Protein backbone atom coordinates (compact mmCIF):
# COMPACT_ATOMS: atom_id res chain seq x y z
CA UNK A 1 -0.78 -9.01 -23.77
CA UNK A 2 0.25 -9.21 -20.11
CA UNK A 3 0.46 -6.21 -17.80
CA UNK A 4 3.77 -4.89 -16.64
CA UNK A 5 4.97 -5.83 -13.21
CA UNK A 6 5.17 -2.54 -11.34
CA UNK A 7 7.09 -1.60 -8.21
CA UNK A 8 5.17 1.26 -6.60
CA UNK A 9 7.04 3.38 -4.06
CA UNK A 10 5.21 5.97 -1.95
CA UNK A 11 7.48 8.74 -0.64
CA UNK A 12 7.01 12.02 1.20
CA UNK A 13 7.42 15.16 -0.90
CA UNK A 14 10.14 16.43 1.44
CA UNK A 15 11.95 14.96 4.45
CA UNK A 16 10.96 18.05 6.46
CA UNK A 17 7.31 17.92 5.35
CA UNK A 18 4.52 18.07 7.91
CA UNK A 19 3.72 14.65 9.32
CA UNK A 20 7.35 13.64 9.82
CA UNK A 21 6.54 12.32 13.32
CA UNK A 22 4.02 9.88 11.83
CA UNK A 23 6.59 8.28 9.53
CA UNK A 24 8.32 5.02 10.39
CA UNK A 25 11.91 4.56 11.38
CA UNK A 26 14.21 2.27 9.48
CA UNK A 27 15.63 -0.70 11.39
CA UNK A 28 18.79 1.35 11.97
CA UNK A 29 16.69 4.01 13.74
CA UNK A 30 16.95 6.62 10.97
CA UNK A 31 13.94 8.41 9.52
CA UNK A 32 13.01 7.35 5.98
CA UNK A 33 11.14 9.27 3.30
CA UNK A 34 9.59 6.02 2.00
CA UNK A 35 6.09 5.53 3.41
CA UNK A 36 5.38 2.14 1.87
CA UNK A 37 5.98 0.11 -1.26
CA UNK A 38 4.16 -2.63 -3.15
CA UNK A 39 4.36 -4.79 -6.27
CA UNK A 40 1.42 -4.73 -8.66
CA UNK A 41 0.60 -6.58 -11.86
CA UNK A 42 -3.07 -5.59 -12.16
CA UNK A 43 -2.31 -2.62 -14.42
CA UNK A 44 -4.17 -0.20 -12.13
CA UNK A 45 -1.66 2.46 -11.19
CA UNK A 46 -2.07 5.05 -8.42
CA UNK A 47 -3.58 8.39 -9.37
CA UNK A 48 -3.00 11.90 -8.03
CA UNK A 49 -5.47 12.36 -5.16
CA UNK A 50 -5.42 8.71 -4.02
CA UNK A 51 -4.99 8.14 -0.29
CA UNK A 52 -2.67 5.48 1.02
CA UNK A 53 -4.61 2.71 2.76
CA UNK A 54 -3.71 1.53 6.26
CA UNK A 55 -4.34 -2.04 7.43
CA UNK A 56 -4.39 -3.48 10.95
CA UNK A 57 -6.15 -5.75 13.39
CA UNK A 58 -7.52 -3.32 15.99
CA UNK A 59 -8.67 -6.07 18.38
CA UNK A 60 -5.63 -8.38 18.13
CA UNK A 61 -2.62 -6.62 16.48
CA UNK A 62 -0.42 -9.73 16.56
CA UNK A 63 -2.94 -11.91 14.69
CA UNK A 64 -3.02 -10.77 11.06
CA UNK A 65 -4.87 -8.00 9.25
CA UNK A 66 -8.65 -7.71 9.56
CA UNK A 67 -9.48 -4.03 8.94
CA UNK A 68 -8.57 -1.19 6.57
CA UNK A 69 -9.04 2.57 6.40
CA UNK A 70 -7.97 5.62 4.42
CA UNK A 71 -4.65 6.96 5.69
CA UNK A 72 -3.28 10.45 6.23
CA UNK A 73 -1.04 10.55 3.14
CA UNK A 74 -2.31 11.72 -0.29
CA UNK A 75 -0.58 11.23 -3.66
CA UNK A 76 0.39 14.67 -5.05
CA UNK A 77 2.55 13.75 -8.05
CA UNK A 78 3.79 10.64 -9.84
CA UNK A 79 6.91 9.69 -11.82
CA UNK A 80 7.08 6.52 -13.95
CA UNK A 81 10.18 4.71 -15.14
CA UNK A 82 10.08 1.78 -17.59
CA UNK A 83 12.65 -0.66 -18.87
CA UNK A 84 12.99 -1.35 -22.58
CA UNK A 85 14.46 -4.78 -21.81
CA UNK A 86 11.97 -6.17 -19.27
CA UNK A 87 8.28 -6.12 -18.56
CA UNK A 88 8.84 -4.09 -15.38
CA UNK A 89 8.38 -0.49 -14.37
CA UNK A 90 8.83 1.68 -11.29
CA UNK A 91 6.24 4.21 -10.19
CA UNK A 92 7.23 6.76 -7.55
CA UNK A 93 4.33 8.53 -5.83
CA UNK A 94 5.18 11.71 -3.92
CA UNK A 95 2.77 12.21 -1.03
CA UNK A 96 1.66 15.03 1.25
CA UNK A 97 0.43 14.67 4.82
CA UNK A 98 -3.28 15.53 5.01
CA UNK A 99 -4.79 14.00 8.16
CA UNK A 100 -8.29 12.64 7.82
CA UNK A 101 -10.65 11.02 10.31
CA UNK A 102 -11.48 7.58 9.04
CA UNK A 103 -12.87 4.53 10.75
CA UNK A 104 -11.51 1.01 10.58
CA UNK A 105 -13.70 -1.09 8.28
CA UNK A 106 -13.64 -4.89 8.42
CA UNK A 107 -12.14 -6.40 5.28
CA UNK A 108 -14.29 -8.74 3.23
CA UNK A 109 -12.38 -11.95 2.70
CA UNK A 110 -12.88 -14.80 0.28
CA UNK A 111 -12.83 -18.42 1.29
CA UNK A 112 -10.13 -19.58 3.70
CA UNK A 113 -7.24 -21.74 2.53
CA UNK A 114 -8.76 -24.74 4.33
CA UNK A 115 -12.07 -24.24 2.50
CA UNK A 116 -10.31 -24.02 -0.85
CA UNK A 117 -8.21 -27.13 -0.23
CA UNK A 118 -11.07 -29.32 1.03
CA UNK A 119 -12.27 -31.80 -1.58
CA UNK A 120 -15.65 -30.95 -3.03
CA UNK A 121 -18.44 -32.79 -1.30
CA UNK A 122 -20.70 -34.72 -3.62
CA UNK A 123 -24.26 -34.98 -2.37
């Protein structure tokens, strides 16, 4: 049996919650209560106490993602919504701002696309 495709939305508990200055602005310039969102089909759903991860390239911000770290937002509660007609669900994670000192850690990557696409060498 296949896992459900899940849209996970991370939101602040309250628009006036501590940490509002650290949140992103929408393209229109307004403040949003959505911190981030992602699609998942692995079946591993967020848990209360999980920290949102942050990703960046500290040395060259315009050249892809190379590092990750634990972020300042922690999941405090979770609501799940499922459809009876599709294999999809929505998970809304309500988060609280709890700053933490964490270091950027280089991500471990698999083989590059070029390495995968190269024909196997017979020797």
